[in-house]
Amino acid sequence: SGDDTWLPDTVSRSFQVRAIDKPSYNRLVTPNGDGVNDKLIIDNVNAYPDNELQVFDETGKMIYHKRGYDNSWDVRLSGKIIAKGTYYFILRSAGAVRIKGSFTVIH
């Protein structure tokens, strides 16, 4: 409210909150180093605090797991690009499944 020393605050701010209806991610990963689709990117992944990503191959074997996924996985395991094919993933946050999906890797 202000006083003799400080003037009242007259600044106002507005912002918009947007709900994420349908999570999106790249369904094709081409790890060729050109900077396009080189990584598995989940849009707005930071909207899912304390997330956990699990990736499975076509047989259902978990091949990748990361808590706090940050779109940094370049589809490499032990320094080698995973085999071409279709992979499935689950992103959990706050104990619930937030996204289930699949992506295809081509070389």
C-alpha atoms as a PDB file:
ATOM      1  CA  SER A   1       0.000   0.000   0.000  1.00  0.00           C
ATOM      2  CA  GLY A   2       2.999   2.315   0.418  1.00  0.00           C
ATOM      3  CA  ASP A   3       3.974   4.923   3.011  1.00  0.00           C
ATOM      4  CA  ASP A   4       6.146   8.091   3.259  1.00  0.00           C
ATOM      5  CA  THR A   5       9.246   6.050   2.290  1.00  0.00           C
ATOM      6  CA  TRP A   6       7.830   3.665  -0.300  1.00  0.00           C
ATOM      7  CA  LEU A   7       5.368   4.343  -3.059  1.00  0.00           C
ATOM      8  CA  PRO A   8       2.518   1.894  -3.647  1.00  0.00           C
ATOM      9  CA  ASP A   9       3.128  -0.843  -6.180  1.00  0.00           C
ATOM     10  CA  THR A  10       1.387  -0.043  -9.449  1.00  0.00           C
ATOM     11  CA  VAL A  11       2.748  -2.889 -11.534  1.00  0.00           C
ATOM     12  CA  SER A  12       0.376  -5.587 -12.693  1.00  0.00           C
ATOM     13  CA  ARG A  13       1.127  -8.812 -14.499  1.00  0.00           C
ATOM     14  CA  SER A  14      -1.068 -11.193 -16.410  1.00  0.00           C
ATOM     15  CA  PHE A  15      -0.387 -14.677 -17.639  1.00  0.00           C
ATOM     16  CA  GLN A  16      -2.168 -17.497 -19.317  1.00  0.00           C
ATOM     17  CA  VAL A  17      -2.250 -21.092 -18.118  1.00  0.00           C
ATOM     18  CA  ARG A  18      -2.681 -23.649 -20.838  1.00  0.00           C
ATOM     19  CA  ALA A  19      -3.580 -27.254 -20.166  1.00  0.00           C
ATOM     20  CA  ILE A  20      -1.797 -29.915 -22.175  1.00  0.00           C
ATOM     21  CA  ASP A  21      -4.581 -31.856 -23.852  1.00  0.00           C
ATOM     22  CA  LYS A  22      -2.731 -34.398 -25.928  1.00  0.00           C
ATOM     23  CA  PRO A  23       0.926 -34.975 -25.202  1.00  0.00           C
ATOM     24  CA  SER A  24       3.031 -34.929 -28.324  1.00  0.00           C
ATOM     25  CA  TYR A  25       6.413 -36.381 -29.145  1.00  0.00           C
ATOM     26  CA  ASN A  26       8.411 -37.235 -32.226  1.00  0.00           C
ATOM     27  CA  ARG A  27       7.314 -40.584 -33.580  1.00  0.00           C
ATOM     28  CA  LEU A  28      10.358 -40.921 -35.786  1.00  0.00           C
ATOM     29  CA  VAL A  29      13.948 -40.774 -34.511  1.00  0.00           C
ATOM     30  CA  THR A  30      16.740 -40.512 -37.063  1.00  0.00           C
ATOM     31  CA  PRO A  31      19.999 -40.393 -35.058  1.00  0.00           C
ATOM     32  CA  ASN A  32      22.227 -39.215 -37.904  1.00  0.00           C
ATOM     33  CA  GLY A  33      23.631 -36.106 -36.213  1.00  0.00           C
ATOM     34  CA  ASP A  34      21.863 -33.552 -38.391  1.00  0.00           C
ATOM     35  CA  GLY A  35      20.096 -31.991 -35.402  1.00  0.00           C
ATOM     36  CA  VAL A  36      16.630 -33.028 -36.593  1.00  0.00           C
ATOM     37  CA  ASN A  37      14.867 -35.891 -34.764  1.00  0.00           C
ATOM     38  CA  ASP A  38      18.167 -37.116 -33.324  1.00  0.00           C
ATOM     39  CA  LYS A  39      16.608 -37.615 -29.867  1.00  0.00           C
ATOM     40  CA  LEU A  40      13.330 -38.729 -28.342  1.00  0.00           C
ATOM     41  CA  ILE A  41      11.638 -35.409 -27.614  1.00  0.00           C
ATOM     42  CA  ILE A  42       8.508 -35.232 -25.474  1.00  0.00           C
ATOM     43  CA  ASP A  43       6.997 -31.774 -25.790  1.00  0.00           C
ATOM     44  CA  ASN A  44       6.579 -29.934 -22.496  1.00  0.00           C
ATOM     45  CA  VAL A  45       8.294 -32.738 -20.570  1.00  0.00           C
ATOM     46  CA  ASN A  46       9.042 -30.207 -17.832  1.00  0.00           C
ATOM     47  CA  ALA A  47       5.278 -30.074 -17.154  1.00  0.00           C
ATOM     48  CA  TYR A  48       5.649 -33.547 -15.641  1.00  0.00           C
ATOM     49  CA  PRO A  49       7.640 -33.069 -12.417  1.00  0.00           C
ATOM     50  CA  ASP A  50       9.553 -36.013 -11.008  1.00  0.00           C
ATOM     51  CA  ASN A  51       8.924 -37.960 -14.212  1.00  0.00           C
ATOM     52  CA  GLU A  52      10.216 -41.394 -15.074  1.00  0.00           C
ATOM     53  CA  LEU A  53      10.714 -42.693 -18.623  1.00  0.00           C
ATOM     54  CA  GLN A  54      10.827 -46.371 -19.530  1.00  0.00           C
ATOM     55  CA  VAL A  55      11.514 -47.559 -23.092  1.00  0.00           C
ATOM     56  CA  PHE A  56      10.815 -51.105 -24.285  1.00  0.00           C
ATOM     57  CA  ASP A  57      11.779 -53.013 -27.405  1.00  0.00           C
ATOM     58  CA  GLU A  58       9.299 -54.990 -29.530  1.00  0.00           C
ATOM     59  CA  THR A  59       9.624 -58.030 -27.243  1.00  0.00           C
ATOM     60  CA  GLY A  60       8.683 -55.986 -24.160  1.00  0.00           C
ATOM     61  CA  LYS A  61      12.195 -55.884 -22.689  1.00  0.00           C
ATOM     62  CA  MET A  62      12.986 -52.589 -20.986  1.00  0.00           C
ATOM     63  CA  ILE A  63      16.057 -51.153 -22.705  1.00  0.00           C
ATOM     64  CA  TYR A  64      16.184 -47.646 -21.217  1.00  0.00           C
ATOM     65  CA  HIS A  65      15.100 -46.058 -17.955  1.00  0.00           C
ATOM     66  CA  LYS A  66      15.604 -42.560 -16.619  1.00  0.00           C
ATOM     67  CA  ARG A  67      14.161 -40.638 -13.714  1.00  0.00           C
ATOM     68  CA  GLY A  68      13.886 -36.954 -14.494  1.00  0.00           C
ATOM     69  CA  TYR A  69      13.800 -37.363 -18.267  1.00  0.00           C
ATOM     70  CA  ASP A  70      14.856 -34.127 -19.954  1.00  0.00           C
ATOM     71  CA  ASN A  71      14.748 -34.916 -23.705  1.00  0.00           C
ATOM     72  CA  SER A  72      18.454 -35.708 -23.763  1.00  0.00           C
ATOM     73  CA  TRP A  73      18.380 -39.370 -24.849  1.00  0.00           C
ATOM     74  CA  ASP A  74      19.946 -39.762 -28.282  1.00  0.00           C
ATOM     75  CA  VAL A  75      18.788 -43.412 -28.574  1.00  0.00           C
ATOM     76  CA  ARG A  76      22.239 -44.721 -27.697  1.00  0.00           C
ATOM     77  CA  LEU A  77      22.993 -47.475 -25.238  1.00  0.00           C
ATOM     78  CA  SER A  78      26.590 -47.986 -24.156  1.00  0.00           C
ATOM     79  CA  GLY A  79      27.635 -45.523 -26.860  1.00  0.00           C
ATOM     80  CA  LYS A  80      25.894 -47.351 -29.732  1.00  0.00           C
ATOM     81  CA  ILE A  81      22.710 -46.352 -31.518  1.00  0.00           C
ATOM     82  CA  ILE A  82      19.918 -48.826 -30.841  1.00  0.00           C
ATOM     83  CA  ALA A  83      18.765 -51.061 -33.695  1.00  0.00           C
ATOM     84  CA  LYS A  84      16.275 -49.717 -36.187  1.00  0.00           C
ATOM     85  CA  GLY A  85      12.704 -50.646 -35.370  1.00  0.00           C
ATOM     86  CA  THR A  86       9.727 -49.666 -33.260  1.00  0.00           C
ATOM     87  CA  TYR A  87      10.032 -48.982 -29.542  1.00  0.00           C
ATOM     88  CA  TYR A  88       7.411 -48.310 -26.893  1.00  0.00           C
ATOM     89  CA  PHE A  89       7.604 -45.975 -23.944  1.00  0.00           C
ATOM     90  CA  ILE A  90       5.794 -44.949 -20.791  1.00  0.00           C
ATOM     91  CA  LEU A  91       6.282 -41.603 -19.076  1.00  0.00           C
ATOM     92  CA  ARG A  92       5.075 -41.531 -15.478  1.00  0.00           C
ATOM     93  CA  SER A  93       4.781 -38.535 -13.204  1.00  0.00           C
ATOM     94  CA  ALA A  94       3.402 -38.200  -9.681  1.00  0.00           C
ATOM     95  CA  GLY A  95       2.778 -41.952  -9.628  1.00  0.00           C
ATOM     96  CA  ALA A  96       0.504 -41.984 -12.686  1.00  0.00           C
ATOM     97  CA  VAL A  97       1.027 -42.829 -16.347  1.00  0.00           C
ATOM     98  CA  ARG A  98       1.006 -39.556 -18.263  1.00  0.00           C
ATOM     99  CA  ILE A  99       2.038 -40.673 -21.739  1.00  0.00           C
ATOM    100  CA  LYS A 100       2.190 -44.045 -23.500  1.00  0.00           C
ATOM    101  CA  GLY A 101       3.475 -44.143 -27.010  1.00  0.00           C
ATOM    102  CA  SER A 102       5.736 -45.598 -29.621  1.00  0.00           C
ATOM    103  CA  PHE A 103       8.455 -44.287 -31.881  1.00  0.00           C
ATOM    104  CA  THR A 104      10.418 -45.721 -34.769  1.00  0.00           C
ATOM    105  CA  VAL A 105      14.173 -45.522 -35.151  1.00  0.00           C
ATOM    106  CA  ILE A 106      15.609 -45.494 -38.651  1.00  0.00           C
ATOM    107  CA  HIS A 107      19.259 -45.174 -39.604  1.00  0.00           C
END
